Amino acid sequence: MNVSWFIIGLVVTFLVNIPFGFWRAHAKRTGNKLEWALAVHLPVPLVVFMRYLAGLSWNASGVPFILTFVLAYFLGQRTGGRLYLKAHENGLNPGRNVFILWTGGEGEAI
């Protein structure tokens, strides 16, 4: 296992899933099941690629490390969903774009 790629992979997995979790929360609120499915499943190939770069295998010794990638995936999704809920609590209507929070605007920028 490549420890550097393992750590980088965990960080990238977490950070990439924040916008997808934000999008997932928007899709859940609007009831769009296709968008929800895309928001959940589109980042999965990146996670698999990061695990490949880290050199993780599916044998018994690699399972705990793979589970940490799964945890990073879900924590990123959850963080994005919480950001969406916080935006709504603060009166913003961010749509599906998490990056609108940094600009302070509203609506669909993408």
C-alpha atoms as a PDB file:
ATOM      1  CA  MET A   1       0.000   0.000   0.000  1.00  0.00           C
ATOM      2  CA  ASN A   2       1.217   3.476  -0.876  1.00  0.00           C
ATOM      3  CA  VAL A   3       0.639   5.576   2.267  1.00  0.00           C
ATOM      4  CA  SER A   4       0.947   8.917   0.458  1.00  0.00           C
ATOM      5  CA  TRP A   5      -1.729   7.991  -2.081  1.00  0.00           C
ATOM      6  CA  PHE A   6      -3.860   6.563   0.697  1.00  0.00           C
ATOM      7  CA  ILE A   7      -3.915   9.873   2.582  1.00  0.00           C
ATOM      8  CA  ILE A   8      -4.322  11.934  -0.591  1.00  0.00           C
ATOM      9  CA  GLY A   9      -7.096   9.604  -1.706  1.00  0.00           C
ATOM     10  CA  LEU A  10      -8.979   9.989   1.576  1.00  0.00           C
ATOM     11  CA  VAL A  11      -8.758  13.786   1.439  1.00  0.00           C
ATOM     12  CA  VAL A  12      -9.783  13.936  -2.235  1.00  0.00           C
ATOM     13  CA  THR A  13     -12.648  11.506  -1.627  1.00  0.00           C
ATOM     14  CA  PHE A  14     -13.954  13.630   1.240  1.00  0.00           C
ATOM     15  CA  LEU A  15     -13.578  16.985  -0.557  1.00  0.00           C
ATOM     16  CA  VAL A  16     -15.053  15.826  -3.867  1.00  0.00           C
ATOM     17  CA  ASN A  17     -18.108  14.424  -2.121  1.00  0.00           C
ATOM     18  CA  ILE A  18     -19.011  17.717  -0.405  1.00  0.00           C
ATOM     19  CA  PRO A  19     -20.486  19.298  -3.575  1.00  0.00           C
ATOM     20  CA  PHE A  20     -22.136  16.000  -4.477  1.00  0.00           C
ATOM     21  CA  GLY A  21     -23.709  15.799  -1.015  1.00  0.00           C
ATOM     22  CA  PHE A  22     -24.946  19.360  -1.449  1.00  0.00           C
ATOM     23  CA  TRP A  23     -26.481  18.393  -4.793  1.00  0.00           C
ATOM     24  CA  ARG A  24     -27.972  15.246  -3.245  1.00  0.00           C
ATOM     25  CA  ALA A  25     -29.692  17.294  -0.531  1.00  0.00           C
ATOM     26  CA  HIS A  26     -31.123  19.634  -3.183  1.00  0.00           C
ATOM     27  CA  ALA A  27     -32.379  16.703  -5.244  1.00  0.00           C
ATOM     28  CA  LYS A  28     -33.954  15.122  -2.182  1.00  0.00           C
ATOM     29  CA  ARG A  29     -35.717  18.383  -1.321  1.00  0.00           C
ATOM     30  CA  THR A  30     -37.054  18.799  -4.872  1.00  0.00           C
ATOM     31  CA  GLY A  31     -37.970  15.110  -5.192  1.00  0.00           C
ATOM     32  CA  ASN A  32     -35.882  14.524  -8.321  1.00  0.00           C
ATOM     33  CA  LYS A  33     -34.849  10.863  -8.040  1.00  0.00           C
ATOM     34  CA  LEU A  34     -32.599  10.890 -11.123  1.00  0.00           C
ATOM     35  CA  GLU A  35     -30.587  13.833  -9.785  1.00  0.00           C
ATOM     36  CA  TRP A  36     -30.376  12.155  -6.385  1.00  0.00           C
ATOM     37  CA  ALA A  37     -29.041   8.935  -7.935  1.00  0.00           C
ATOM     38  CA  LEU A  38     -26.491  10.853 -10.008  1.00  0.00           C
ATOM     39  CA  ALA A  39     -25.321  12.865  -6.990  1.00  0.00           C
ATOM     40  CA  VAL A  40     -24.780   9.668  -5.024  1.00  0.00           C
ATOM     41  CA  HIS A  41     -23.185   7.538  -7.744  1.00  0.00           C
ATOM     42  CA  LEU A  42     -21.129   9.883  -9.966  1.00  0.00           C
ATOM     43  CA  PRO A  43     -18.212  10.221  -7.514  1.00  0.00           C
ATOM     44  CA  VAL A  44     -17.873   6.437  -7.044  1.00  0.00           C
ATOM     45  CA  PRO A  45     -15.439   5.874  -9.986  1.00  0.00           C
ATOM     46  CA  LEU A  46     -13.135   8.537  -8.526  1.00  0.00           C
ATOM     47  CA  VAL A  47     -13.173   6.764  -5.159  1.00  0.00           C
ATOM     48  CA  VAL A  48     -12.346   3.446  -6.829  1.00  0.00           C
ATOM     49  CA  PHE A  49      -9.513   5.107  -8.773  1.00  0.00           C
ATOM     50  CA  MET A  50      -8.103   6.637  -5.583  1.00  0.00           C
ATOM     51  CA  ARG A  51      -8.176   3.217  -3.918  1.00  0.00           C
ATOM     52  CA  TYR A  52      -6.339   1.808  -6.938  1.00  0.00           C
ATOM     53  CA  LEU A  53      -3.655   4.523  -6.690  1.00  0.00           C
ATOM     54  CA  ALA A  54      -3.236   3.726  -2.998  1.00  0.00           C
ATOM     55  CA  GLY A  55      -2.614   0.086  -3.935  1.00  0.00           C
ATOM     56  CA  LEU A  56      -5.456  -1.354  -1.877  1.00  0.00           C
ATOM     57  CA  SER A  57      -6.572  -4.877  -2.588  1.00  0.00           C
ATOM     58  CA  TRP A  58      -9.719  -6.797  -1.737  1.00  0.00           C
ATOM     59  CA  ASN A  59      -7.989  -9.288   0.541  1.00  0.00           C
ATOM     60  CA  ALA A  60      -8.539  -9.398   4.307  1.00  0.00           C
ATOM     61  CA  SER A  61      -5.683  -7.007   5.065  1.00  0.00           C
ATOM     62  CA  GLY A  62      -7.067  -4.322   2.721  1.00  0.00           C
ATOM     63  CA  VAL A  63     -10.665  -4.310   3.942  1.00  0.00           C
ATOM     64  CA  PRO A  64     -10.149  -1.903   6.891  1.00  0.00           C
ATOM     65  CA  PHE A  65      -8.452   0.586   4.568  1.00  0.00           C
ATOM     66  CA  ILE A  66     -11.233   0.296   1.999  1.00  0.00           C
ATOM     67  CA  LEU A  67     -13.735   0.940   4.778  1.00  0.00           C
ATOM     68  CA  THR A  68     -11.946   4.205   5.567  1.00  0.00           C
ATOM     69  CA  PHE A  69     -12.543   5.270   1.960  1.00  0.00           C
ATOM     70  CA  VAL A  70     -16.219   4.411   2.375  1.00  0.00           C
ATOM     71  CA  LEU A  71     -16.280   6.481   5.571  1.00  0.00           C
ATOM     72  CA  ALA A  72     -14.619   9.443   3.812  1.00  0.00           C
ATOM     73  CA  TYR A  73     -17.201   9.136   1.010  1.00  0.00           C
ATOM     74  CA  PHE A  74     -20.154   9.242   3.401  1.00  0.00           C
ATOM     75  CA  LEU A  75     -18.660  11.990   5.567  1.00  0.00           C
ATOM     76  CA  GLY A  76     -18.198  14.157   2.453  1.00  0.00           C
ATOM     77  CA  GLN A  77     -21.787  13.475   1.351  1.00  0.00           C
ATOM     78  CA  ARG A  78     -23.065  14.252   4.852  1.00  0.00           C
ATOM     79  CA  THR A  79     -21.034  17.452   5.126  1.00  0.00           C
ATOM     80  CA  GLY A  80     -22.410  18.668   1.791  1.00  0.00           C
ATOM     81  CA  GLY A  81     -25.955  17.863   2.880  1.00  0.00           C
ATOM     82  CA  ARG A  82     -25.477  19.764   6.129  1.00  0.00           C
ATOM     83  CA  LEU A  83     -24.110  22.770   4.233  1.00  0.00           C
ATOM     84  CA  TYR A  84     -27.254  22.720   2.104  1.00  0.00           C
ATOM     85  CA  LEU A  85     -29.485  22.632   5.179  1.00  0.00           C
ATOM     86  CA  LYS A  86     -27.518  25.475   6.807  1.00  0.00           C
ATOM     87  CA  ALA A  87     -27.913  27.555   3.648  1.00  0.00           C
ATOM     88  CA  HIS A  88     -31.680  27.051   3.756  1.00  0.00           C
ATOM     89  CA  GLU A  89     -31.802  27.868   7.463  1.00  0.00           C
ATOM     90  CA  ASN A  90     -30.004  31.134   6.699  1.00  0.00           C
ATOM     91  CA  GLY A  91     -32.567  32.040   4.054  1.00  0.00           C
ATOM     92  CA  LEU A  92     -30.499  31.297   0.975  1.00  0.00           C
ATOM     93  CA  ASN A  93     -31.813  29.441  -2.044  1.00  0.00           C
ATOM     94  CA  PRO A  94     -28.573  27.927  -3.370  1.00  0.00           C
ATOM     95  CA  GLY A  95     -30.102  25.408  -5.760  1.00  0.00           C
ATOM     96  CA  ARG A  96     -27.670  22.568  -6.414  1.00  0.00           C
ATOM     97  CA  ASN A  97     -24.514  24.682  -6.488  1.00  0.00           C
ATOM     98  CA  VAL A  98     -22.444  24.619  -3.288  1.00  0.00           C
ATOM     99  CA  PHE A  99     -20.007  27.177  -4.686  1.00  0.00           C
ATOM    100  CA  ILE A 100     -22.685  29.868  -4.601  1.00  0.00           C
ATOM    101  CA  LEU A 101     -22.132  30.004  -0.820  1.00  0.00           C
ATOM    102  CA  TRP A 102     -18.707  31.575  -1.316  1.00  0.00           C
ATOM    103  CA  THR A 103     -20.012  34.240  -3.672  1.00  0.00           C
ATOM    104  CA  GLY A 104     -22.906  35.153  -1.406  1.00  0.00           C
ATOM    105  CA  GLY A 105     -25.443  35.054  -4.245  1.00  0.00           C
ATOM    106  CA  GLU A 106     -28.500  32.958  -4.890  1.00  0.00           C
ATOM    107  CA  GLY A 107     -29.767  30.717  -7.635  1.00  0.00           C
ATOM    108  CA  GLU A 108     -28.264  28.435 -10.221  1.00  0.00           C
ATOM    109  CA  ALA A 109     -24.813  29.598 -11.291  1.00  0.00           C
ATOM    110  CA  ILE A 110     -23.921  26.435 -13.173  1.00  0.00           C
END
